[in-house]
Amino acid sequence: MDAERKQVGERAKQRIREQGYPSMAAWAKAHGYKYRDVSDVVRGIRFGLYGIGREISKKLGIPVQD
């Protein structure tokens, strides 16, 4: 994982905490997503190009390519 992708993931985790959720699992449940899907987006496994990964990326403020 490159440094930029790691920073994006850390910022996404910070946004989740700022929104008052204690964990990614709590954020995922509150927004109707599976924890694994959210975790994959935050860790950079899913790039958010389409589908659920894209929705999650947008909600977490992760840049997506159009």
PDB file of N, CA and C in Angstrom:
ATOM      1  N   MET A   1       0.852  -1.175   0.000  1.00  0.00           N
ATOM      2  CA  MET A   1       0.000   0.000   0.000  1.00  0.00           C
ATOM      3  C   MET A   1       0.894   1.234   0.000  1.00  0.00           C
ATOM      4  N   ASP A   2       0.605   2.146  -0.875  1.00  0.00           N
ATOM      5  CA  ASP A   2       1.436   3.348  -0.915  1.00  0.00           C
ATOM      6  C   ASP A   2       1.013   4.339   0.170  1.00  0.00           C
ATOM      7  N   ALA A   3       1.872   5.292   0.432  1.00  0.00           N
ATOM      8  CA  ALA A   3       1.658   6.229   1.539  1.00  0.00           C
ATOM      9  C   ALA A   3       0.397   7.059   1.356  1.00  0.00           C
ATOM     10  N   GLU A   4       0.115   7.472   0.125  1.00  0.00           N
ATOM     11  CA  GLU A   4      -1.068   8.310  -0.116  1.00  0.00           C
ATOM     12  C   GLU A   4      -2.354   7.547   0.191  1.00  0.00           C
ATOM     13  N   ARG A   5      -2.431   6.300  -0.238  1.00  0.00           N
ATOM     14  CA  ARG A   5      -3.626   5.493   0.009  1.00  0.00           C
ATOM     15  C   ARG A   5      -3.810   5.266   1.503  1.00  0.00           C
ATOM     16  N   LYS A   6      -2.706   5.080   2.216  1.00  0.00           N
ATOM     17  CA  LYS A   6      -2.777   4.888   3.667  1.00  0.00           C
ATOM     18  C   LYS A   6      -3.305   6.144   4.344  1.00  0.00           C
ATOM     19  N   GLN A   7      -2.856   7.318   3.887  1.00  0.00           N
ATOM     20  CA  GLN A   7      -3.337   8.581   4.456  1.00  0.00           C
ATOM     21  C   GLN A   7      -4.819   8.769   4.201  1.00  0.00           C
ATOM     22  N   VAL A   8      -5.279   8.391   3.009  1.00  0.00           N
ATOM     23  CA  VAL A   8      -6.704   8.504   2.681  1.00  0.00           C
ATOM     24  C   VAL A   8      -7.507   7.629   3.633  1.00  0.00           C
ATOM     25  N   GLY A   9      -7.028   6.417   3.879  1.00  0.00           N
ATOM     26  CA  GLY A   9      -7.711   5.509   4.804  1.00  0.00           C
ATOM     27  C   GLY A   9      -7.748   6.054   6.217  1.00  0.00           C
ATOM     28  N   GLU A  10      -6.654   6.638   6.655  1.00  0.00           N
ATOM     29  CA  GLU A  10      -6.605   7.216   8.001  1.00  0.00           C
ATOM     30  C   GLU A  10      -7.570   8.399   8.118  1.00  0.00           C
ATOM     31  N   ARG A  11      -7.652   9.206   7.073  1.00  0.00           N
ATOM     32  CA  ARG A  11      -8.601  10.334   7.093  1.00  0.00           C
ATOM     33  C   ARG A  11     -10.045   9.827   7.133  1.00  0.00           C
ATOM     34  N   ALA A  12     -10.326   8.744   6.414  1.00  0.00           N
ATOM     35  CA  ALA A  12     -11.672   8.170   6.427  1.00  0.00           C
ATOM     36  C   ALA A  12     -12.018   7.661   7.830  1.00  0.00           C
ATOM     37  N   LYS A  13     -11.070   6.995   8.480  1.00  0.00           N
ATOM     38  CA  LYS A  13     -11.305   6.530   9.854  1.00  0.00           C
ATOM     39  C   LYS A  13     -11.543   7.705  10.791  1.00  0.00           C
ATOM     40  N   GLN A  14     -10.800   8.778  10.585  1.00  0.00           N
ATOM     41  CA  GLN A  14     -10.972   9.973  11.411  1.00  0.00           C
ATOM     42  C   GLN A  14     -12.367  10.568  11.211  1.00  0.00           C
ATOM     43  N   ARG A  15     -12.843  10.615   9.963  1.00  0.00           N
ATOM     44  CA  ARG A  15     -14.193  11.139   9.693  1.00  0.00           C
ATOM     45  C   ARG A  15     -15.254  10.298  10.397  1.00  0.00           C
ATOM     46  N   ILE A  16     -15.050   8.980  10.393  1.00  0.00           N
ATOM     47  CA  ILE A  16     -16.003   8.089  11.067  1.00  0.00           C
ATOM     48  C   ILE A  16     -16.060   8.435  12.551  1.00  0.00           C
ATOM     49  N   ARG A  17     -14.907   8.628  13.177  1.00  0.00           N
ATOM     50  CA  ARG A  17     -14.872   8.980  14.610  1.00  0.00           C
ATOM     51  C   ARG A  17     -15.480  10.367  14.844  1.00  0.00           C
ATOM     52  N   GLU A  18     -15.208  11.315  13.948  1.00  0.00           N
ATOM     53  CA  GLU A  18     -15.756  12.667  14.096  1.00  0.00           C
ATOM     54  C   GLU A  18     -17.277  12.671  14.002  1.00  0.00           C
ATOM     55  N   GLN A  19     -17.826  11.729  13.255  1.00  0.00           N
ATOM     56  CA  GLN A  19     -19.281  11.614  13.135  1.00  0.00           C
ATOM     57  C   GLN A  19     -19.904  10.955  14.356  1.00  0.00           C
ATOM     58  N   GLY A  20     -19.069  10.525  15.299  1.00  0.00           N
ATOM     59  CA  GLY A  20     -19.578   9.970  16.546  1.00  0.00           C
ATOM     60  C   GLY A  20     -19.691   8.459  16.583  1.00  0.00           C
ATOM     61  N   TYR A  21     -19.148   7.791  15.587  1.00  0.00           N
ATOM     62  CA  TYR A  21     -19.191   6.330  15.582  1.00  0.00           C
ATOM     63  C   TYR A  21     -17.900   5.792  16.200  1.00  0.00           C
ATOM     64  N   PRO A  22     -18.016   4.830  17.092  1.00  0.00           N
ATOM     65  CA  PRO A  22     -16.817   4.311  17.760  1.00  0.00           C
ATOM     66  C   PRO A  22     -15.972   3.397  16.871  1.00  0.00           C
ATOM     67  N   SER A  23     -16.549   2.905  15.774  1.00  0.00           N
ATOM     68  CA  SER A  23     -15.816   1.960  14.928  1.00  0.00           C
ATOM     69  C   SER A  23     -16.364   1.966  13.507  1.00  0.00           C
ATOM     70  N   MET A  24     -15.600   1.362  12.595  1.00  0.00           N
ATOM     71  CA  MET A  24     -16.078   1.206  11.223  1.00  0.00           C
ATOM     72  C   MET A  24     -17.304   0.306  11.196  1.00  0.00           C
ATOM     73  N   ALA A  25     -17.326  -0.682  12.059  1.00  0.00           N
ATOM     74  CA  ALA A  25     -18.464  -1.604  12.108  1.00  0.00           C
ATOM     75  C   ALA A  25     -19.749  -0.854  12.468  1.00  0.00           C
ATOM     76  N   ALA A  26     -19.665   0.054  13.428  1.00  0.00           N
ATOM     77  CA  ALA A  26     -20.838   0.832  13.832  1.00  0.00           C
ATOM     78  C   ALA A  26     -21.284   1.744  12.693  1.00  0.00           C
ATOM     79  N   TRP A  27     -20.330   2.379  12.004  1.00  0.00           N
ATOM     80  CA  TRP A  27     -20.654   3.253  10.865  1.00  0.00           C
ATOM     81  C   TRP A  27     -21.314   2.433   9.767  1.00  0.00           C
ATOM     82  N   ALA A  28     -20.752   1.276   9.472  1.00  0.00           N
ATOM     83  CA  ALA A  28     -21.295   0.409   8.423  1.00  0.00           C
ATOM     84  C   ALA A  28     -22.727   0.006   8.738  1.00  0.00           C
ATOM     85  N   LYS A  29     -22.969  -0.411   9.962  1.00  0.00           N
ATOM     86  CA  LYS A  29     -24.318  -0.843  10.355  1.00  0.00           C
ATOM     87  C   LYS A  29     -25.310   0.313  10.267  1.00  0.00           C
ATOM     88  N   ALA A  30     -24.894   1.489  10.732  1.00  0.00           N
ATOM     89  CA  ALA A  30     -25.778   2.657  10.712  1.00  0.00           C
ATOM     90  C   ALA A  30     -26.135   3.097   9.293  1.00  0.00           C
ATOM     91  N   HIS A  31     -25.257   2.819   8.338  1.00  0.00           N
ATOM     92  CA  HIS A  31     -25.494   3.235   6.957  1.00  0.00           C
ATOM     93  C   HIS A  31     -25.953   2.092   6.052  1.00  0.00           C
ATOM     94  N   GLY A  32     -26.168   0.917   6.633  1.00  0.00           N
ATOM     95  CA  GLY A  32     -26.710  -0.209   5.895  1.00  0.00           C
ATOM     96  C   GLY A  32     -25.708  -0.960   5.026  1.00  0.00           C
ATOM     97  N   TYR A  33     -24.426  -0.887   5.385  1.00  0.00           N
ATOM     98  CA  TYR A  33     -23.391  -1.589   4.629  1.00  0.00           C
ATOM     99  C   TYR A  33     -22.800  -2.701   5.470  1.00  0.00           C
ATOM    100  N   LYS A  34     -22.175  -3.641   4.798  1.00  0.00           N
ATOM    101  CA  LYS A  34     -21.449  -4.696   5.494  1.00  0.00           C
ATOM    102  C   LYS A  34     -20.117  -4.119   5.965  1.00  0.00           C
ATOM    103  N   TYR A  35     -19.687  -4.546   7.144  1.00  0.00           N
ATOM    104  CA  TYR A  35     -18.402  -4.090   7.681  1.00  0.00           C
ATOM    105  C   TYR A  35     -17.276  -4.378   6.694  1.00  0.00           C
ATOM    106  N   ARG A  36     -17.288  -5.553   6.106  1.00  0.00           N
ATOM    107  CA  ARG A  36     -16.211  -5.952   5.187  1.00  0.00           C
ATOM    108  C   ARG A  36     -16.110  -4.996   4.003  1.00  0.00           C
ATOM    109  N   ASP A  37     -17.259  -4.549   3.476  1.00  0.00           N
ATOM    110  CA  ASP A  37     -17.241  -3.612   2.351  1.00  0.00           C
ATOM    111  C   ASP A  37     -16.603  -2.288   2.753  1.00  0.00           C
ATOM    112  N   VAL A  38     -16.975  -1.771   3.916  1.00  0.00           N
ATOM    113  CA  VAL A  38     -16.408  -0.509   4.403  1.00  0.00           C
ATOM    114  C   VAL A  38     -14.912  -0.679   4.665  1.00  0.00           C
ATOM    115  N   SER A  39     -14.543  -1.752   5.298  1.00  0.00           N
ATOM    116  CA  SER A  39     -13.142  -2.014   5.594  1.00  0.00           C
ATOM    117  C   SER A  39     -12.318  -2.102   4.311  1.00  0.00           C
ATOM    118  N   ASP A  40     -12.828  -2.769   3.299  1.00  0.00           N
ATOM    119  CA  ASP A  40     -12.108  -2.895   2.028  1.00  0.00           C
ATOM    120  C   ASP A  40     -11.897  -1.546   1.361  1.00  0.00           C
ATOM    121  N   VAL A  41     -12.886  -0.671   1.434  1.00  0.00           N
ATOM    122  CA  VAL A  41     -12.749   0.670   0.847  1.00  0.00           C
ATOM    123  C   VAL A  41     -11.706   1.466   1.620  1.00  0.00           C
ATOM    124  N   VAL A  42     -11.792   1.455   2.930  1.00  0.00           N
ATOM    125  CA  VAL A  42     -10.866   2.232   3.760  1.00  0.00           C
ATOM    126  C   VAL A  42      -9.431   1.729   3.602  1.00  0.00           C
ATOM    127  N   ARG A  43      -9.248   0.422   3.497  1.00  0.00           N
ATOM    128  CA  ARG A  43      -7.907  -0.151   3.360  1.00  0.00           C
ATOM    129  C   ARG A  43      -7.362  -0.068   1.940  1.00  0.00           C
ATOM    130  N   GLY A  44      -8.208   0.349   0.985  1.00  0.00           N
ATOM    131  CA  GLY A  44      -7.737   0.485  -0.391  1.00  0.00           C
ATOM    132  C   GLY A  44      -7.844  -0.784  -1.208  1.00  0.00           C
ATOM    133  N   ILE A  45      -8.539  -1.778  -0.703  1.00  0.00           N
ATOM    134  CA  ILE A  45      -8.743  -3.023  -1.449  1.00  0.00           C
ATOM    135  C   ILE A  45      -9.753  -2.779  -2.566  1.00  0.00           C
ATOM    136  N   ARG A  46     -10.802  -2.042  -2.245  1.00  0.00           N
ATOM    137  CA  ARG A  46     -11.779  -1.602  -3.249  1.00  0.00           C
ATOM    138  C   ARG A  46     -11.471  -0.157  -3.570  1.00  0.00           C
ATOM    139  N   PHE A  47     -11.477   0.164  -4.835  1.00  0.00           N
ATOM    140  CA  PHE A  47     -11.093   1.508  -5.251  1.00  0.00           C
ATOM    141  C   PHE A  47     -12.280   2.456  -5.394  1.00  0.00           C
ATOM    142  N   GLY A  48     -13.492   1.952  -5.268  1.00  0.00           N
ATOM    143  CA  GLY A  48     -14.663   2.825  -5.343  1.00  0.00           C
ATOM    144  C   GLY A  48     -14.960   3.312  -6.748  1.00  0.00           C
ATOM    145  N   LEU A  49     -14.685   2.487  -7.726  1.00  0.00           N
ATOM    146  CA  LEU A  49     -14.929   2.895  -9.108  1.00  0.00           C
ATOM    147  C   LEU A  49     -16.403   2.779  -9.486  1.00  0.00           C
ATOM    148  N   TYR A  50     -17.119   1.865  -8.827  1.00  0.00           N
ATOM    149  CA  TYR A  50     -18.539   1.667  -9.119  1.00  0.00           C
ATOM    150  C   TYR A  50     -19.185   0.907  -7.968  1.00  0.00           C
ATOM    151  N   GLY A  51     -20.501   0.869  -7.971  1.00  0.00           N
ATOM    152  CA  GLY A  51     -21.246   0.073  -7.007  1.00  0.00           C
ATOM    153  C   GLY A  51     -21.150   0.551  -5.568  1.00  0.00           C
ATOM    154  N   ILE A  52     -21.231  -0.409  -4.670  1.00  0.00           N
ATOM    155  CA  ILE A  52     -21.239  -0.121  -3.242  1.00  0.00           C
ATOM    156  C   ILE A  52     -19.939   0.545  -2.802  1.00  0.00           C
ATOM    157  N   GLY A  53     -18.843   0.098  -3.356  1.00  0.00           N
ATOM    158  CA  GLY A  53     -17.555   0.709  -3.015  1.00  0.00           C
ATOM    159  C   GLY A  53     -17.543   2.199  -3.320  1.00  0.00           C
ATOM    160  N   ARG A  54     -18.153   2.581  -4.419  1.00  0.00           N
ATOM    161  CA  ARG A  54     -18.227   3.999  -4.802  1.00  0.00           C
ATOM    162  C   ARG A  54     -19.114   4.777  -3.830  1.00  0.00           C
ATOM    163  N   GLU A  55     -20.255   4.189  -3.470  1.00  0.00           N
ATOM    164  CA  GLU A  55     -21.158   4.841  -2.511  1.00  0.00           C
ATOM    165  C   GLU A  55     -20.452   5.087  -1.187  1.00  0.00           C
ATOM    166  N   ILE A  56     -19.770   4.069  -0.699  1.00  0.00           N
ATOM    167  CA  ILE A  56     -19.064   4.174   0.575  1.00  0.00           C
ATOM    168  C   ILE A  56     -17.976   5.233   0.479  1.00  0.00           C
ATOM    169  N   SER A  57     -17.219   5.209  -0.606  1.00  0.00           N
ATOM    170  CA  SER A  57     -16.147   6.193  -0.800  1.00  0.00           C
ATOM    171  C   SER A  57     -16.692   7.613  -0.736  1.00  0.00           C
ATOM    172  N   LYS A  58     -17.775   7.857  -1.424  1.00  0.00           N
ATOM    173  CA  LYS A  58     -18.359   9.207  -1.438  1.00  0.00           C
ATOM    174  C   LYS A  58     -18.820   9.617  -0.051  1.00  0.00           C
ATOM    175  N   LYS A  59     -19.473   8.710   0.667  1.00  0.00           N
ATOM    176  CA  LYS A  59     -19.957   9.048   2.004  1.00  0.00           C
ATOM    177  C   LYS A  59     -18.824   9.312   2.991  1.00  0.00           C
ATOM    178  N   LEU A  60     -17.675   8.679   2.761  1.00  0.00           N
ATOM    179  CA  LEU A  60     -16.538   8.872   3.648  1.00  0.00           C
ATOM    180  C   LEU A  60     -15.618   9.994   3.169  1.00  0.00           C
ATOM    181  N   GLY A  61     -15.947  10.590   2.043  1.00  0.00           N
ATOM    182  CA  GLY A  61     -15.137  11.688   1.534  1.00  0.00           C
ATOM    183  C   GLY A  61     -13.849  11.231   0.868  1.00  0.00           C
ATOM    184  N   ILE A  62     -13.824   9.998   0.433  1.00  0.00           N
ATOM    185  CA  ILE A  62     -12.657   9.478  -0.278  1.00  0.00           C
ATOM    186  C   ILE A  62     -12.798   9.855  -1.741  1.00  0.00           C
ATOM    187  N   PRO A  63     -11.772  10.455  -2.331  1.00  0.00           N
ATOM    188  CA  PRO A  63     -11.863  10.867  -3.738  1.00  0.00           C
ATOM    189  C   PRO A  63     -12.137   9.677  -4.662  1.00  0.00           C
ATOM    190  N   VAL A  64     -13.059   9.862  -5.604  1.00  0.00           N
ATOM    191  CA  VAL A  64     -13.366   8.828  -6.597  1.00  0.00           C
ATOM    192  C   VAL A  64     -13.141   9.402  -7.984  1.00  0.00           C
ATOM    193  N   GLN A  65     -12.727   8.540  -8.881  1.00  0.00           N
ATOM    194  CA  GLN A  65     -12.502   8.968 -10.256  1.00  0.00           C
ATOM    195  C   GLN A  65     -13.803   8.930 -11.022  1.00  0.00           C
ATOM    196  N   ASP A  66     -14.082   9.960 -11.774  1.00  0.00           N
ATOM    197  CA  ASP A  66     -15.296   9.985 -12.607  1.00  0.00           C
ATOM    198  C   ASP A  66     -15.000   9.588 -14.022  1.00  0.00           C
TER     199      ASP A  66
END
